[in-house]
Amino acid sequence: MKTAAWDFISAHAERFGIKRICRVLEVSRSGYYRWIAGAEARAARQADEDALVDEIREIFAEHRGNYGALRVHAELRGFGHTVNRKRVARLMRKHDIVGRHLRKKKRTTIPDRLAPPAPDLVRRDFTAADLDAKWCGDITYVQVGASSWLYLACVVDIRSRRVLGWSMAPHMRAELVIDALQAAVTARDGNVTGVIFHADRGSQGGFNWSSQHLDHRGVRWDDRQGGLRR
């Protein structure tokens, strides 16, 4: 309300006088003068906000509209901006910049209650001093078209964060993750003796395949509830 009053006073001050308009609108002249004094700072803040919105739009377009406020904020921080996540979310709402959301969710981890318990090798320590000391793997999904899905299995080296192996298929059967793990082993020329492999414990076959092939692969199996080791 006050901002509208100050704008009105500025627009008609020359014709009616500031004192008269302030009396009619029942606002203080001192408040109006303080508003005038802050005009330069407001213009600078608006210019800063406009530049930030431009960068948000660039990031949003670069990633084909898939990024929401969290990922856009992470990108901005990566570029050196010290911007608050809530501010990014507010600006995106204000300017109707909305990331895509999957209409459905797929469950990719179904715990196998019949699987035998195993020792915990990682112990929640997701760091590694060397390459091929610890790997981790998981399954995610990608919507294709209106109602179809593809499942993606990946194996990542915890030290380098490099994807060593991956596979994609329209199902979550054991072959999906067997192919990903085999690709990771091939990427290391088969030299994977002693590697700890960490993944969800799933009943669909999943990465549990490694527990059946330890003798000739040399991989030590670990899941988020425990693991199998050679």
Protein backbone atom coordinates (compact mmCIF):
# COMPACT_ATOMS: atom_id res chain seq x y z
CA MET A 1 0.00 0.00 0.00
CA LYS A 2 2.74 2.45 0.98
CA THR A 3 4.70 1.78 -2.21
CA ALA A 4 1.63 2.64 -4.30
CA ALA A 5 1.21 5.86 -2.30
CA TRP A 6 4.84 6.85 -2.80
CA ASP A 7 4.54 6.18 -6.53
CA PHE A 8 1.40 8.33 -6.68
CA ILE A 9 3.11 11.19 -4.84
CA SER A 10 6.11 11.06 -7.21
CA ALA A 11 3.82 11.11 -10.24
CA HIS A 12 1.76 14.12 -9.07
CA ALA A 13 4.15 16.06 -6.81
CA GLU A 14 4.88 18.77 -9.36
CA ARG A 15 1.19 19.50 -9.93
CA PHE A 16 -0.24 19.29 -6.40
CA GLY A 17 2.78 19.48 -4.11
CA ILE A 18 4.17 16.82 -1.81
CA LYS A 19 2.77 18.31 1.39
CA ARG A 20 -0.82 18.48 0.11
CA ILE A 21 -0.80 14.94 -1.33
CA CYS A 22 0.68 13.46 1.85
CA ARG A 23 -2.05 15.19 3.89
CA VAL A 24 -4.82 13.85 1.64
CA LEU A 25 -3.38 10.32 1.61
CA GLU A 26 -2.65 10.49 5.35
CA VAL A 27 0.99 9.46 4.96
CA SER A 28 4.10 11.14 6.35
CA ARG A 29 6.40 13.30 4.27
CA SER A 30 9.39 11.87 6.13
CA GLY A 31 8.39 8.38 5.04
CA TYR A 32 8.13 9.54 1.44
CA TYR A 33 11.59 11.15 1.56
CA ARG A 34 13.09 8.00 3.05
CA TRP A 35 11.54 6.03 0.17
CA ILE A 36 13.06 8.47 -2.33
CA ALA A 37 16.48 8.13 -0.66
CA GLY A 38 16.36 4.34 -1.04
CA ALA A 39 15.44 4.39 -4.74
CA GLU A 40 19.00 3.74 -5.89
CA ALA A 41 19.43 0.77 -3.56
CA ARG A 42 16.10 -0.68 -4.72
CA ALA A 43 17.11 -0.31 -8.35
CA ALA A 44 20.39 -2.12 -7.63
CA ARG A 45 18.56 -4.96 -5.87
CA GLN A 46 16.12 -5.26 -8.76
CA ALA A 47 18.96 -5.37 -11.28
CA ASP A 48 20.64 -8.09 -9.22
CA GLU A 49 17.39 -10.07 -9.10
CA ASP A 50 16.86 -9.70 -12.85
CA ALA A 51 20.38 -10.97 -13.54
CA LEU A 52 19.79 -13.95 -11.20
CA VAL A 53 16.51 -14.79 -12.93
CA ASP A 54 18.31 -14.68 -16.30
CA GLU A 55 20.86 -17.20 -15.01
CA ILE A 56 18.10 -19.40 -13.61
CA ARG A 57 16.40 -19.38 -17.01
CA GLU A 58 19.68 -20.30 -18.73
CA ILE A 59 20.26 -23.26 -16.39
CA PHE A 60 16.63 -24.32 -16.76
CA ALA A 61 16.83 -24.18 -20.58
CA GLU A 62 20.23 -25.92 -20.69
CA HIS A 63 18.75 -28.90 -18.85
CA ARG A 64 15.60 -28.91 -20.98
CA GLY A 65 13.28 -27.91 -18.19
CA ASN A 66 14.08 -30.93 -16.04
CA TYR A 67 15.66 -29.06 -13.12
CA GLY A 68 13.67 -27.89 -10.11
CA ALA A 69 14.73 -25.38 -7.47
CA LEU A 70 17.12 -27.78 -5.67
CA ARG A 71 19.16 -28.61 -8.77
CA VAL A 72 19.09 -25.04 -10.09
CA HIS A 73 20.36 -23.86 -6.70
CA ALA A 74 23.16 -26.46 -6.80
CA GLU A 75 24.18 -25.27 -10.27
CA LEU A 76 24.25 -21.65 -9.13
CA ARG A 77 26.39 -22.57 -6.13
CA GLY A 78 28.69 -24.44 -8.49
CA PHE A 79 29.12 -21.23 -10.46
CA GLY A 80 30.14 -19.39 -7.30
CA HIS A 81 26.84 -17.74 -6.33
CA THR A 82 26.13 -17.46 -2.61
CA VAL A 83 22.38 -17.50 -3.05
CA ASN A 84 19.78 -18.89 -0.66
CA ARG A 85 17.86 -21.94 -1.88
CA LYS A 86 14.54 -20.45 -0.72
CA ARG A 87 15.23 -17.35 -2.77
CA VAL A 88 15.81 -19.47 -5.88
CA ALA A 89 12.55 -21.33 -5.23
CA ARG A 90 10.68 -18.05 -4.72
CA LEU A 91 12.00 -16.52 -7.93
CA MET A 92 11.18 -19.66 -9.90
CA ARG A 93 7.60 -19.58 -8.58
CA LYS A 94 7.31 -15.86 -9.28
CA HIS A 95 8.42 -16.27 -12.89
CA ASP A 96 6.59 -19.57 -13.53
CA ILE A 97 9.80 -21.58 -14.00
CA VAL A 98 8.66 -25.09 -13.09
CA GLY A 99 10.72 -28.25 -13.55
CA ARG A 100 9.21 -31.44 -14.89
CA HIS A 101 7.90 -34.04 -12.46
CA LEU A 102 7.27 -37.68 -13.19
CA ARG A 103 3.60 -38.45 -12.97
CA LYS A 104 4.25 -41.79 -11.32
CA LYS A 105 6.85 -43.31 -9.05
CA LYS A 106 8.28 -46.75 -9.48
CA ARG A 107 9.58 -48.87 -6.64
CA THR A 108 13.04 -50.11 -7.55
CA THR A 109 14.10 -51.69 -4.25
CA ILE A 110 11.99 -54.51 -2.84
CA PRO A 111 13.67 -55.98 0.27
CA ASP A 112 14.19 -59.72 0.24
CA ARG A 113 13.19 -60.90 3.72
CA LEU A 114 14.41 -64.41 2.96
CA ALA A 115 17.96 -63.27 2.18
CA PRO A 116 20.45 -64.41 4.85
CA PRO A 117 22.03 -61.68 7.01
CA ALA A 118 25.61 -60.74 6.16
CA PRO A 119 28.39 -58.69 7.78
CA ASP A 120 28.44 -54.94 7.18
CA LEU A 121 31.66 -54.14 5.29
CA VAL A 122 31.14 -50.43 4.56
CA ARG A 123 29.78 -49.43 8.00
CA ARG A 124 28.26 -46.27 6.52
CA ASP A 125 31.70 -44.97 5.53
CA PHE A 126 31.18 -43.87 1.92
CA THR A 127 34.74 -42.68 1.41
CA ALA A 128 37.70 -44.49 -0.10
CA ALA A 129 41.41 -43.70 -0.11
CA ASP A 130 42.07 -45.62 -3.35
CA LEU A 131 40.39 -46.54 -6.59
CA ASP A 132 38.63 -49.90 -6.68
CA ALA A 133 38.45 -50.11 -2.90
CA LYS A 134 34.68 -49.57 -2.77
CA TRP A 135 32.01 -49.56 -5.45
CA CYS A 136 28.34 -48.80 -5.09
CA GLY A 137 25.37 -49.53 -7.32
CA ASP A 138 21.70 -48.82 -7.63
CA ILE A 139 18.74 -48.89 -10.00
CA THR A 140 16.73 -45.89 -11.14
CA TYR A 141 14.08 -45.39 -13.79
CA VAL A 142 13.32 -43.11 -16.73
CA GLN A 143 9.87 -42.48 -18.12
CA VAL A 144 9.64 -42.97 -21.88
CA GLY A 145 6.48 -41.65 -23.46
CA ALA A 146 3.21 -41.52 -21.55
CA SER A 147 3.23 -44.91 -19.85
CA SER A 148 6.49 -46.76 -20.57
CA TRP A 149 9.56 -47.05 -18.35
CA LEU A 150 13.21 -47.97 -18.78
CA TYR A 151 15.30 -49.07 -15.81
CA LEU A 152 18.91 -47.98 -15.44
CA ALA A 153 21.48 -49.84 -13.31
CA CYS A 154 24.85 -48.19 -12.58
CA VAL A 155 28.07 -49.11 -10.79
CA VAL A 156 30.13 -46.21 -9.43
CA ASP A 157 33.63 -46.12 -7.94
CA ILE A 158 33.28 -44.33 -4.59
CA ARG A 159 36.75 -42.78 -4.79
CA SER A 160 36.53 -41.23 -8.27
CA ARG A 161 32.71 -41.01 -8.53
CA ARG A 162 33.14 -42.38 -12.03
CA VAL A 163 30.44 -44.59 -13.53
CA LEU A 164 32.31 -47.82 -14.29
CA GLY A 165 29.42 -49.80 -15.71
CA TRP A 166 25.79 -49.37 -16.58
CA SER A 167 22.93 -51.10 -18.36
CA MET A 168 19.38 -50.22 -19.35
CA ALA A 169 16.37 -52.43 -19.94
CA PRO A 170 12.55 -52.37 -19.74
CA HIS A 171 12.66 -54.69 -16.71
CA MET A 172 14.37 -55.11 -13.32
CA ARG A 173 15.38 -58.73 -13.69
CA ALA A 174 18.82 -59.92 -12.64
CA GLU A 175 20.25 -59.48 -16.16
CA LEU A 176 19.86 -55.70 -15.84
CA VAL A 177 22.33 -55.41 -13.01
CA ILE A 178 24.48 -58.37 -14.01
CA ASP A 179 25.29 -56.50 -17.22
CA ALA A 180 26.13 -53.33 -15.28
CA LEU A 181 28.45 -55.17 -12.90
CA GLN A 182 30.10 -57.08 -15.73
CA ALA A 183 30.69 -53.79 -17.56
CA ALA A 184 32.37 -52.38 -14.44
CA VAL A 185 34.61 -55.44 -14.14
CA THR A 186 35.54 -55.14 -17.82
CA ALA A 187 36.34 -51.44 -17.38
CA ARG A 188 38.95 -52.48 -14.79
CA ASP A 189 40.32 -55.23 -17.07
CA GLY A 190 39.01 -57.85 -14.66
CA ASN A 191 41.39 -56.73 -11.91
CA VAL A 192 38.86 -56.22 -9.10
CA THR A 193 40.10 -58.54 -6.36
CA GLY A 194 39.17 -57.20 -2.94
CA VAL A 195 36.67 -54.59 -4.14
CA ILE A 196 33.79 -54.04 -1.71
CA PHE A 197 30.54 -53.64 -3.62
CA HIS A 198 27.68 -51.86 -1.85
CA ALA A 199 24.05 -51.84 -3.04
CA ASP A 200 20.45 -52.21 -1.93
CA ARG A 201 19.26 -55.66 -0.97
CA GLY A 202 16.57 -56.38 -3.56
CA SER A 203 14.43 -59.44 -4.14
CA GLN A 204 14.34 -59.05 -7.92
CA GLY A 205 17.76 -60.68 -8.37
CA GLY A 206 19.47 -57.32 -8.47
CA PHE A 207 23.10 -56.89 -7.53
CA ASN A 208 22.85 -59.96 -5.29
CA TRP A 209 24.19 -61.85 -8.32
CA SER A 210 27.71 -60.94 -7.21
CA SER A 211 27.38 -63.15 -4.15
CA GLN A 212 27.12 -66.16 -6.50
CA HIS A 213 30.25 -65.31 -8.50
CA LEU A 214 32.81 -64.27 -5.91
CA ASP A 215 35.20 -67.11 -6.58
CA HIS A 216 36.16 -65.92 -10.03
CA ARG A 217 35.32 -62.21 -9.77
CA GLY A 218 37.07 -61.34 -6.51
CA VAL A 219 34.42 -58.82 -5.52
CA ARG A 220 33.29 -58.63 -1.90
CA TRP A 221 29.57 -58.03 -1.61
CA ASP A 222 27.99 -55.53 0.77
CA ASP A 223 24.41 -54.26 0.98
CA ARG A 224 22.74 -51.60 3.10
CA GLN A 225 21.76 -54.16 5.66
CA GLY A 226 24.99 -56.17 5.53
CA GLY A 227 27.12 -58.03 2.99
CA LEU A 228 28.76 -61.18 1.76
CA ARG A 229 32.53 -61.27 1.64
CA ARG A 230 35.05 -63.65 0.19
